[in-house]
Amino acid sequence: MSTPLVLVHSLLTLLFVVVLLHGLARDVGTRGTGFRVRADQLLRTAMVVAMAAMPWIDLGAGPAAVATGAFTGGALWFLLPLGRPVGGAAAAVAHRLPHAAGMAAMAWMLHGPHTAAGHDHVEAAAAYVTAPDGPAAAPLHDGSAGTPALACGLLVYALWSLTRPMPSLRSAASAARRAAAATPARHVGEGAMALGTAVMLVLPH
């Protein structure tokens, strides 16, 4: 058993649980929202729960295919131009694109043949980490550009979101930065979720 990998997965699970509890507390306090907002909240909650449970459960081919289809649909949902965007179409796309990327990352991880958990997952990860040449001896996936592309995109968004509420080094801060500083918990939660998802993408599954 690879103790470092299990520790990383445990820390990621704890991170996702904290993000989940914060999101639920925020969603409960949201009133007077429409169908689209509630659907967004439900999809984000499902994604966080799945990310927290992924290292510890073993999905067969059938359930994995169903979950892959569900998260693919979730990614498409976040890209649909429904309703009247607040702050312009570009701002709406910029806000929803990271959520679509997170859904796509979930579908990507579930789709691959490396989806395994439980005892087999831990043993496979342990064999990978303790290989003679170490983790760099072989790629985590099949060499496709999907994993690094999704991971880099999520990492960039995580860094942007985590630093968004920080005070500006310039004397005159933009209105967007002042608004972000007024609600730091939302940006930190979204950044933490994106960061955790990026890490999960590059870990052996």
Protein backbone atom coordinates (compact mmCIF):
# COMPACT_ATOMS: atom_id res chain seq x y z
CA MET A 1 0.00 0.00 0.00
CA SER A 2 1.29 3.43 -0.90
CA THR A 3 0.90 5.54 2.21
CA PRO A 4 1.77 8.88 0.49
CA LEU A 5 -0.84 8.34 -2.22
CA VAL A 6 -3.50 7.33 0.30
CA LEU A 7 -2.64 10.43 2.32
CA VAL A 8 -3.02 12.64 -0.76
CA HIS A 9 -6.38 11.08 -1.57
CA SER A 10 -7.49 11.55 2.05
CA LEU A 11 -6.52 15.22 1.98
CA LEU A 12 -8.32 15.70 -1.33
CA THR A 13 -11.43 14.02 0.06
CA LEU A 14 -11.32 16.33 3.08
CA LEU A 15 -10.94 19.31 0.75
CA PHE A 16 -13.96 18.26 -1.32
CA VAL A 17 -16.06 17.67 1.82
CA VAL A 18 -15.27 21.18 3.05
CA VAL A 19 -16.16 22.62 -0.37
CA LEU A 20 -19.38 20.57 -0.34
CA LEU A 21 -20.46 21.81 3.10
CA HIS A 22 -19.69 25.41 2.17
CA GLY A 23 -21.61 25.08 -1.08
CA LEU A 24 -24.62 23.55 0.63
CA ALA A 25 -24.65 26.31 3.25
CA ARG A 26 -24.48 28.94 0.52
CA ASP A 27 -27.18 27.27 -1.59
CA VAL A 28 -29.56 26.91 1.35
CA GLY A 29 -29.29 30.63 1.96
CA THR A 30 -30.13 31.40 -1.67
CA ARG A 31 -33.79 32.23 -2.10
CA GLY A 32 -35.96 33.21 -5.01
CA THR A 33 -33.77 31.51 -7.61
CA GLY A 34 -34.99 30.03 -10.87
CA PHE A 35 -34.76 26.57 -12.36
CA ARG A 36 -31.38 27.14 -14.02
CA VAL A 37 -29.73 28.27 -10.80
CA ARG A 38 -31.10 25.28 -8.91
CA ALA A 39 -29.94 22.94 -11.68
CA ASP A 40 -26.47 24.50 -11.52
CA GLN A 41 -26.37 23.98 -7.76
CA LEU A 42 -27.47 20.36 -8.08
CA LEU A 43 -24.83 19.59 -10.72
CA ARG A 44 -22.07 21.25 -8.71
CA THR A 45 -23.09 19.30 -5.62
CA ALA A 46 -23.10 16.02 -7.56
CA MET A 47 -19.64 16.80 -8.93
CA VAL A 48 -18.16 17.51 -5.48
CA VAL A 49 -19.70 14.35 -4.00
CA ALA A 50 -18.36 12.26 -6.89
CA MET A 51 -14.88 13.78 -6.56
CA ALA A 52 -14.81 13.06 -2.82
CA ALA A 53 -15.89 9.44 -3.32
CA MET A 54 -13.93 8.61 -6.48
CA PRO A 55 -10.70 7.37 -4.82
CA TRP A 56 -12.58 4.99 -2.53
CA ILE A 57 -15.22 3.30 -4.68
CA ASP A 58 -15.04 0.76 -7.47
CA LEU A 59 -17.35 1.37 -10.42
CA GLY A 60 -18.05 -1.35 -12.94
CA ALA A 61 -18.11 -0.68 -16.66
CA GLY A 62 -21.87 -0.11 -16.71
CA PRO A 63 -22.15 2.40 -13.84
CA ALA A 64 -19.00 4.16 -15.03
CA ALA A 65 -20.52 4.59 -18.49
CA VAL A 66 -23.73 6.00 -17.00
CA ALA A 67 -21.78 8.41 -14.79
CA THR A 68 -19.64 9.44 -17.76
CA GLY A 69 -22.75 10.26 -19.76
CA ALA A 70 -24.24 12.19 -16.85
CA PHE A 71 -21.16 14.35 -16.36
CA THR A 72 -20.82 14.90 -20.11
CA GLY A 73 -24.39 16.15 -20.08
CA GLY A 74 -23.52 18.37 -17.13
CA ALA A 75 -20.61 19.88 -19.03
CA LEU A 76 -22.89 20.63 -21.98
CA TRP A 77 -25.50 22.11 -19.62
CA PHE A 78 -23.03 24.67 -18.32
CA LEU A 79 -22.23 25.66 -21.90
CA LEU A 80 -25.85 26.14 -22.97
CA PRO A 81 -26.75 29.83 -23.53
CA LEU A 82 -30.03 29.71 -21.62
CA GLY A 83 -31.67 32.68 -19.96
CA ARG A 84 -30.55 36.27 -19.93
CA PRO A 85 -26.89 36.55 -18.88
CA VAL A 86 -26.07 38.99 -16.11
CA GLY A 87 -23.16 41.27 -16.98
CA GLY A 88 -23.03 40.28 -20.63
CA ALA A 89 -22.60 37.07 -22.60
CA ALA A 90 -18.80 37.05 -22.29
CA ALA A 91 -18.94 37.33 -18.50
CA ALA A 92 -21.53 34.54 -18.33
CA VAL A 93 -19.37 32.22 -20.44
CA ALA A 94 -16.26 33.04 -18.39
CA HIS A 95 -18.12 32.20 -15.18
CA ARG A 96 -19.64 28.94 -16.42
CA LEU A 97 -16.72 27.59 -18.45
CA PRO A 98 -14.72 26.38 -15.39
CA HIS A 99 -17.74 24.44 -14.16
CA ALA A 100 -18.06 22.85 -17.60
CA ALA A 101 -14.36 21.98 -17.47
CA GLY A 102 -14.82 20.35 -14.06
CA MET A 103 -17.69 18.25 -15.39
CA ALA A 104 -15.61 17.30 -18.44
CA ALA A 105 -12.74 16.28 -16.16
CA MET A 106 -15.06 14.00 -14.19
CA ALA A 107 -16.33 12.40 -17.41
CA TRP A 108 -12.75 12.02 -18.65
CA MET A 109 -11.57 10.27 -15.47
CA LEU A 110 -14.57 7.93 -15.42
CA HIS A 111 -14.27 7.14 -19.12
CA GLY A 112 -10.71 5.91 -19.02
CA PRO A 113 -9.84 2.26 -18.47
CA HIS A 114 -7.89 3.25 -15.37
CA THR A 115 -11.09 3.81 -13.34
CA ALA A 116 -10.69 1.60 -10.30
CA ALA A 117 -10.92 2.04 -6.56
CA GLY A 118 -11.13 0.17 -3.32
CA HIS A 119 -8.50 -2.52 -2.77
CA ASP A 120 -7.58 -2.84 -6.45
CA HIS A 121 -7.18 0.92 -6.75
CA VAL A 122 -4.84 1.17 -3.79
CA GLU A 123 -2.77 -1.82 -4.88
CA ALA A 124 -2.44 -0.52 -8.44
CA ALA A 125 -1.46 2.93 -7.21
CA ALA A 126 1.04 1.44 -4.78
CA ALA A 127 2.66 -0.63 -7.54
CA TYR A 128 2.85 2.47 -9.70
CA VAL A 129 4.44 4.69 -7.08
CA THR A 130 6.91 2.05 -5.86
CA ALA A 131 8.06 1.08 -9.36
CA PRO A 132 11.87 0.92 -9.73
CA ASP A 133 11.99 3.97 -11.95
CA GLY A 134 9.41 5.92 -9.92
CA PRO A 135 6.29 7.78 -11.04
CA ALA A 136 8.07 9.36 -13.99
CA ALA A 137 8.79 5.99 -15.56
CA ALA A 138 5.47 5.84 -17.41
CA PRO A 139 2.61 8.20 -18.22
CA LEU A 140 -0.44 8.17 -15.99
CA HIS A 141 -2.77 7.81 -18.95
CA ASP A 142 -2.60 6.77 -22.57
CA GLY A 143 -0.64 9.76 -23.83
CA SER A 144 -3.71 11.71 -24.87
CA ALA A 145 -3.62 15.46 -24.61
CA GLY A 146 -6.96 15.49 -22.77
CA THR A 147 -5.52 15.02 -19.29
CA PRO A 148 -2.83 17.74 -19.39
CA ALA A 149 -5.17 20.14 -21.21
CA LEU A 150 -7.92 19.80 -18.60
CA ALA A 151 -5.46 19.83 -15.70
CA CYS A 152 -3.69 22.98 -16.93
CA GLY A 153 -6.96 24.76 -17.59
CA LEU A 154 -8.30 23.95 -14.14
CA LEU A 155 -5.00 24.90 -12.51
CA VAL A 156 -4.99 28.30 -14.22
CA TYR A 157 -8.56 28.95 -13.10
CA ALA A 158 -7.75 27.77 -9.56
CA LEU A 159 -4.86 30.21 -9.25
CA TRP A 160 -6.95 33.02 -10.70
CA SER A 161 -9.90 32.30 -8.40
CA LEU A 162 -7.80 31.85 -5.26
CA THR A 163 -5.96 35.13 -5.81
CA ARG A 164 -9.01 37.09 -6.98
CA PRO A 165 -10.10 38.27 -3.50
CA MET A 166 -6.58 39.39 -2.56
CA PRO A 167 -5.93 43.12 -2.30
CA SER A 168 -4.71 44.68 -5.49
CA LEU A 169 -1.13 45.95 -5.67
CA ARG A 170 -2.40 48.92 -7.61
CA SER A 171 -3.92 51.90 -5.83
CA ALA A 172 -7.06 51.80 -7.98
CA ALA A 173 -8.68 48.36 -7.90
CA SER A 174 -11.21 47.40 -10.55
CA ALA A 175 -14.89 46.99 -9.74
CA ALA A 176 -14.63 43.24 -10.38
CA ARG A 177 -11.79 42.87 -7.87
CA ARG A 178 -13.66 44.90 -5.27
CA ALA A 179 -16.71 42.67 -5.78
CA ALA A 180 -14.55 39.56 -5.42
CA ALA A 181 -13.03 40.89 -2.22
CA ALA A 182 -16.55 41.33 -0.85
CA THR A 183 -17.33 37.61 -1.34
CA PRO A 184 -13.99 35.83 -0.88
CA ALA A 185 -15.47 32.52 0.28
CA ARG A 186 -17.13 31.83 -3.08
CA HIS A 187 -13.93 32.43 -5.04
CA VAL A 188 -11.80 30.43 -2.61
CA GLY A 189 -14.28 27.53 -2.73
CA GLU A 190 -14.37 27.47 -6.52
CA GLY A 191 -10.58 27.76 -6.69
CA ALA A 192 -10.11 24.93 -4.20
CA MET A 193 -12.49 22.72 -6.16
CA ALA A 194 -10.66 23.40 -9.43
CA LEU A 195 -7.28 22.78 -7.79
CA GLY A 196 -8.41 19.49 -6.28
CA THR A 197 -9.86 18.36 -9.59
CA ALA A 198 -6.61 19.19 -11.41
CA VAL A 199 -4.64 17.14 -8.88
CA MET A 200 -7.05 14.21 -9.20
CA LEU A 201 -6.59 14.26 -12.97
CA VAL A 202 -2.86 13.62 -12.77
CA LEU A 203 -2.99 11.03 -9.98
CA PRO A 204 -3.15 7.32 -10.89
CA HIS A 205 -6.72 5.96 -10.77
